[in-house]
């Protein structure tokens, strides 16, 4: 669960900096975040 806490803290910081340029950073952050969540889900629940 420590890895998920660190990932969550990183996400909050990344979302903050993505919102600084009037939300335009979200155009890059949201697809990257979606891929990261998908990869972590597969790693946790599907095994390797």
PDB file of N, CA and C in Angstrom:
ATOM      1  N   UNK A   1       0.813  -1.194   0.000  1.00  0.00           N
ATOM      2  CA  UNK A   1       0.000   0.000   0.000  1.00  0.00           C
ATOM      3  C   UNK A   1       0.851   1.249   0.000  1.00  0.00           C
ATOM      4  N   UNK A   2       2.121   1.111   0.399  1.00  0.00           N
ATOM      5  CA  UNK A   2       3.018   2.264   0.398  1.00  0.00           C
ATOM      6  C   UNK A   2       3.236   2.786  -1.022  1.00  0.00           C
ATOM      7  N   UNK A   3       3.372   1.870  -1.974  1.00  0.00           N
ATOM      8  CA  UNK A   3       3.567   2.292  -3.362  1.00  0.00           C
ATOM      9  C   UNK A   3       2.353   3.061  -3.875  1.00  0.00           C
ATOM     10  N   UNK A   4       1.158   2.635  -3.486  1.00  0.00           N
ATOM     11  CA  UNK A   4      -0.050   3.350  -3.919  1.00  0.00           C
ATOM     12  C   UNK A   4      -0.146   4.725  -3.269  1.00  0.00           C
ATOM     13  N   UNK A   5       0.313   4.856  -2.023  1.00  0.00           N
ATOM     14  CA  UNK A   5       0.328   6.174  -1.367  1.00  0.00           C
ATOM     15  C   UNK A   5       1.292   7.119  -2.071  1.00  0.00           C
ATOM     16  N   UNK A   6       2.460   6.629  -2.411  1.00  0.00           N
ATOM     17  CA  UNK A   6       3.438   7.454  -3.122  1.00  0.00           C
ATOM     18  C   UNK A   6       2.891   7.837  -4.490  1.00  0.00           C
ATOM     19  N   UNK A   7       2.248   6.893  -5.181  1.00  0.00           N
ATOM     20  CA  UNK A   7       1.641   7.184  -6.481  1.00  0.00           C
ATOM     21  C   UNK A   7       0.554   8.245  -6.345  1.00  0.00           C
ATOM     22  N   UNK A   8      -0.253   8.160  -5.298  1.00  0.00           N
ATOM     23  CA  UNK A   8      -1.309   9.149  -5.069  1.00  0.00           C
ATOM     24  C   UNK A   8      -0.753  10.534  -4.787  1.00  0.00           C
ATOM     25  N   UNK A   9       0.300  10.609  -3.988  1.00  0.00           N
ATOM     26  CA  UNK A   9       0.929  11.904  -3.707  1.00  0.00           C
ATOM     27  C   UNK A   9       1.517  12.487  -4.983  1.00  0.00           C
ATOM     28  N   UNK A  10       2.181  11.645  -5.780  1.00  0.00           N
ATOM     29  CA  UNK A  10       2.722  12.112  -7.053  1.00  0.00           C
ATOM     30  C   UNK A  10       1.608  12.610  -7.964  1.00  0.00           C
ATOM     31  N   UNK A  11       0.485  11.926  -7.965  1.00  0.00           N
ATOM     32  CA  UNK A  11      -0.635  12.334  -8.807  1.00  0.00           C
ATOM     33  C   UNK A  11      -1.173  13.699  -8.397  1.00  0.00           C
ATOM     34  N   UNK A  12      -1.318  13.927  -7.108  1.00  0.00           N
ATOM     35  CA  UNK A  12      -1.821  15.218  -6.630  1.00  0.00           C
ATOM     36  C   UNK A  12      -0.874  16.343  -7.037  1.00  0.00           C
ATOM     37  N   UNK A  13       0.423  16.122  -6.889  1.00  0.00           N
ATOM     38  CA  UNK A  13       1.409  17.137  -7.277  1.00  0.00           C
ATOM     39  C   UNK A  13       1.359  17.367  -8.785  1.00  0.00           C
ATOM     40  N   UNK A  14       1.281  16.282  -9.562  1.00  0.00           N
ATOM     41  CA  UNK A  14       1.223  16.411 -11.017  1.00  0.00           C
ATOM     42  C   UNK A  14      -0.048  17.133 -11.456  1.00  0.00           C
ATOM     43  N   UNK A  15      -1.170  16.840 -10.817  1.00  0.00           N
ATOM     44  CA  UNK A  15      -2.420  17.532 -11.153  1.00  0.00           C
ATOM     45  C   UNK A  15      -2.327  19.020 -10.837  1.00  0.00           C
ATOM     46  N   UNK A  16      -1.693  19.359  -9.730  1.00  0.00           N
ATOM     47  CA  UNK A  16      -1.520  20.767  -9.378  1.00  0.00           C
ATOM     48  C   UNK A  16      -0.733  21.499 -10.458  1.00  0.00           C
ATOM     49  N   UNK A  17       0.400  20.930 -10.872  1.00  0.00           N
ATOM     50  CA  UNK A  17       1.218  21.594 -11.882  1.00  0.00           C
ATOM     51  C   UNK A  17       0.558  21.569 -13.259  1.00  0.00           C
ATOM     52  N   UNK A  18      -0.267  20.564 -13.535  1.00  0.00           N
ATOM     53  CA  UNK A  18      -0.970  20.521 -14.814  1.00  0.00           C
ATOM     54  C   UNK A  18      -2.052  21.597 -14.881  1.00  0.00           C
ATOM     55  N   UNK A  19      -2.605  21.981 -13.738  1.00  0.00           N
ATOM     56  CA  UNK A  19      -3.658  23.001 -13.714  1.00  0.00           C
ATOM     57  C   UNK A  19      -3.103  24.424 -13.791  1.00  0.00           C
ATOM     58  N   UNK A  20      -1.814  24.608 -13.552  1.00  0.00           N
ATOM     59  CA  UNK A  20      -1.248  25.960 -13.557  1.00  0.00           C
ATOM     60  C   UNK A  20      -1.414  26.674 -14.901  1.00  0.00           C
ATOM     61  N   UNK A  21      -1.135  26.021 -16.041  1.00  0.00           N
ATOM     62  CA  UNK A  21      -1.334  26.730 -17.312  1.00  0.00           C
ATOM     63  C   UNK A  21      -2.794  26.661 -17.780  1.00  0.00           C
ATOM     64  N   UNK A  22      -3.703  27.084 -16.951  1.00  0.00           N
ATOM     65  CA  UNK A  22      -5.139  27.150 -17.231  1.00  0.00           C
ATOM     66  C   UNK A  22      -5.683  25.791 -17.673  1.00  0.00           C
ATOM     67  N   UNK A  23      -5.188  24.728 -17.071  1.00  0.00           N
ATOM     68  CA  UNK A  23      -5.708  23.397 -17.338  1.00  0.00           C
ATOM     69  C   UNK A  23      -5.202  22.744 -18.609  1.00  0.00           C
ATOM     70  N   UNK A  24      -4.354  23.420 -19.370  1.00  0.00           N
ATOM     71  CA  UNK A  24      -3.873  22.841 -20.624  1.00  0.00           C
ATOM     72  C   UNK A  24      -2.953  21.642 -20.382  1.00  0.00           C
ATOM     73  N   UNK A  25      -2.320  21.590 -19.223  1.00  0.00           N
ATOM     74  CA  UNK A  25      -1.462  20.454 -18.902  1.00  0.00           C
ATOM     75  C   UNK A  25      -2.242  19.165 -18.737  1.00  0.00           C
ATOM     76  N   UNK A  26      -3.545  19.284 -18.483  1.00  0.00           N
ATOM     77  CA  UNK A  26      -4.369  18.081 -18.343  1.00  0.00           C
ATOM     78  C   UNK A  26      -4.483  17.318 -19.657  1.00  0.00           C
ATOM     79  N   UNK A  27      -4.319  18.007 -20.780  1.00  0.00           N
ATOM     80  CA  UNK A  27      -4.357  17.323 -22.078  1.00  0.00           C
ATOM     81  C   UNK A  27      -3.233  16.298 -22.187  1.00  0.00           C
ATOM     82  N   UNK A  28      -2.135  16.546 -21.508  1.00  0.00           N
ATOM     83  CA  UNK A  28      -1.033  15.592 -21.499  1.00  0.00           C
ATOM     84  C   UNK A  28      -1.123  14.646 -20.306  1.00  0.00           C
ATOM     85  N   UNK A  29      -1.519  15.168 -19.161  1.00  0.00           N
ATOM     86  CA  UNK A  29      -1.495  14.361 -17.939  1.00  0.00           C
ATOM     87  C   UNK A  29      -2.563  13.272 -17.925  1.00  0.00           C
ATOM     88  N   UNK A  30      -3.758  13.548 -18.391  1.00  0.00           N
ATOM     89  CA  UNK A  30      -4.838  12.563 -18.293  1.00  0.00           C
ATOM     90  C   UNK A  30      -4.567  11.283 -19.089  1.00  0.00           C
ATOM     91  N   UNK A  31      -4.088  11.343 -20.333  1.00  0.00           N
ATOM     92  CA  UNK A  31      -3.764  10.081 -21.019  1.00  0.00           C
ATOM     93  C   UNK A  31      -2.613   9.322 -20.355  1.00  0.00           C
ATOM     94  N   UNK A  32      -1.614  10.055 -19.868  1.00  0.00           N
ATOM     95  CA  UNK A  32      -0.491   9.402 -19.189  1.00  0.00           C
ATOM     96  C   UNK A  32      -0.976   8.745 -17.902  1.00  0.00           C
ATOM     97  N   UNK A  33      -1.819   9.445 -17.155  1.00  0.00           N
ATOM     98  CA  UNK A  33      -2.358   8.890 -15.914  1.00  0.00           C
ATOM     99  C   UNK A  33      -3.236   7.675 -16.195  1.00  0.00           C
ATOM    100  N   UNK A  34      -4.029   7.724 -17.248  1.00  0.00           N
ATOM    101  CA  UNK A  34      -4.876   6.576 -17.596  1.00  0.00           C
ATOM    102  C   UNK A  34      -4.027   5.349 -17.910  1.00  0.00           C
ATOM    103  N   UNK A  35      -2.951   5.545 -18.639  1.00  0.00           N
ATOM    104  CA  UNK A  35      -2.044   4.434 -18.934  1.00  0.00           C
ATOM    105  C   UNK A  35      -1.377   3.885 -17.689  1.00  0.00           C
ATOM    106  N   UNK A  36      -1.011   4.764 -16.769  1.00  0.00           N
ATOM    107  CA  UNK A  36      -0.373   4.321 -15.527  1.00  0.00           C
ATOM    108  C   UNK A  36      -1.344   3.526 -14.664  1.00  0.00           C
ATOM    109  N   UNK A  37      -2.586   3.973 -14.584  1.00  0.00           N
ATOM    110  CA  UNK A  37      -3.587   3.247 -13.799  1.00  0.00           C
ATOM    111  C   UNK A  37      -3.872   1.891 -14.437  1.00  0.00           C
ATOM    112  N   UNK A  38      -3.959   1.838 -15.761  1.00  0.00           N
ATOM    113  CA  UNK A  38      -4.195   0.574 -16.460  1.00  0.00           C
ATOM    114  C   UNK A  38      -3.048  -0.404 -16.208  1.00  0.00           C
ATOM    115  N   UNK A  39      -1.813   0.090 -16.311  1.00  0.00           N
ATOM    116  CA  UNK A  39      -0.657  -0.779 -16.100  1.00  0.00           C
ATOM    117  C   UNK A  39      -0.586  -1.272 -14.661  1.00  0.00           C
ATOM    118  N   UNK A  40      -0.881  -0.407 -13.706  1.00  0.00           N
ATOM    119  CA  UNK A  40      -0.834  -0.841 -12.312  1.00  0.00           C
ATOM    120  C   UNK A  40      -1.966  -1.828 -12.009  1.00  0.00           C
ATOM    121  N   UNK A  41      -3.133  -1.629 -12.587  1.00  0.00           N
ATOM    122  CA  UNK A  41      -4.247  -2.569 -12.399  1.00  0.00           C
ATOM    123  C   UNK A  41      -3.873  -3.947 -12.928  1.00  0.00           C
ATOM    124  N   UNK A  42      -3.296  -3.977 -14.132  1.00  0.00           N
ATOM    125  CA  UNK A  42      -2.901  -5.266 -14.713  1.00  0.00           C
ATOM    126  C   UNK A  42      -1.838  -5.940 -13.863  1.00  0.00           C
ATOM    127  N   UNK A  43      -0.903  -5.150 -13.335  1.00  0.00           N
ATOM    128  CA  UNK A  43       0.168  -5.718 -12.527  1.00  0.00           C
ATOM    129  C   UNK A  43      -0.368  -6.276 -11.212  1.00  0.00           C
ATOM    130  N   UNK A  44      -1.311  -5.575 -10.600  1.00  0.00           N
ATOM    131  CA  UNK A  44      -1.825  -6.001  -9.301  1.00  0.00           C
ATOM    132  C   UNK A  44      -2.797  -7.168  -9.440  1.00  0.00           C
ATOM    133  N   UNK A  45      -3.761  -7.069 -10.352  1.00  0.00           N
ATOM    134  CA  UNK A  45      -4.850  -8.037 -10.399  1.00  0.00           C
ATOM    135  C   UNK A  45      -4.666  -9.149 -11.424  1.00  0.00           C
ATOM    136  N   UNK A  46      -3.908  -8.915 -12.478  1.00  0.00           N
ATOM    137  CA  UNK A  46      -3.745  -9.933 -13.506  1.00  0.00           C
ATOM    138  C   UNK A  46      -2.463 -10.739 -13.324  1.00  0.00           C
ATOM    139  N   UNK A  47      -1.547 -10.276 -12.498  1.00  0.00           N
ATOM    140  CA  UNK A  47      -0.264 -10.957 -12.339  1.00  0.00           C
ATOM    141  C   UNK A  47       0.652 -10.628 -13.500  1.00  0.00           C
ATOM    142  N   UNK A  48       1.796 -11.268 -13.504  1.00  0.00           N
ATOM    143  CA  UNK A  48       2.731 -10.967 -14.600  1.00  0.00           C
ATOM    144  C   UNK A  48       3.030 -12.174 -15.447  1.00  0.00           C
TER     145      UNK A  48
END
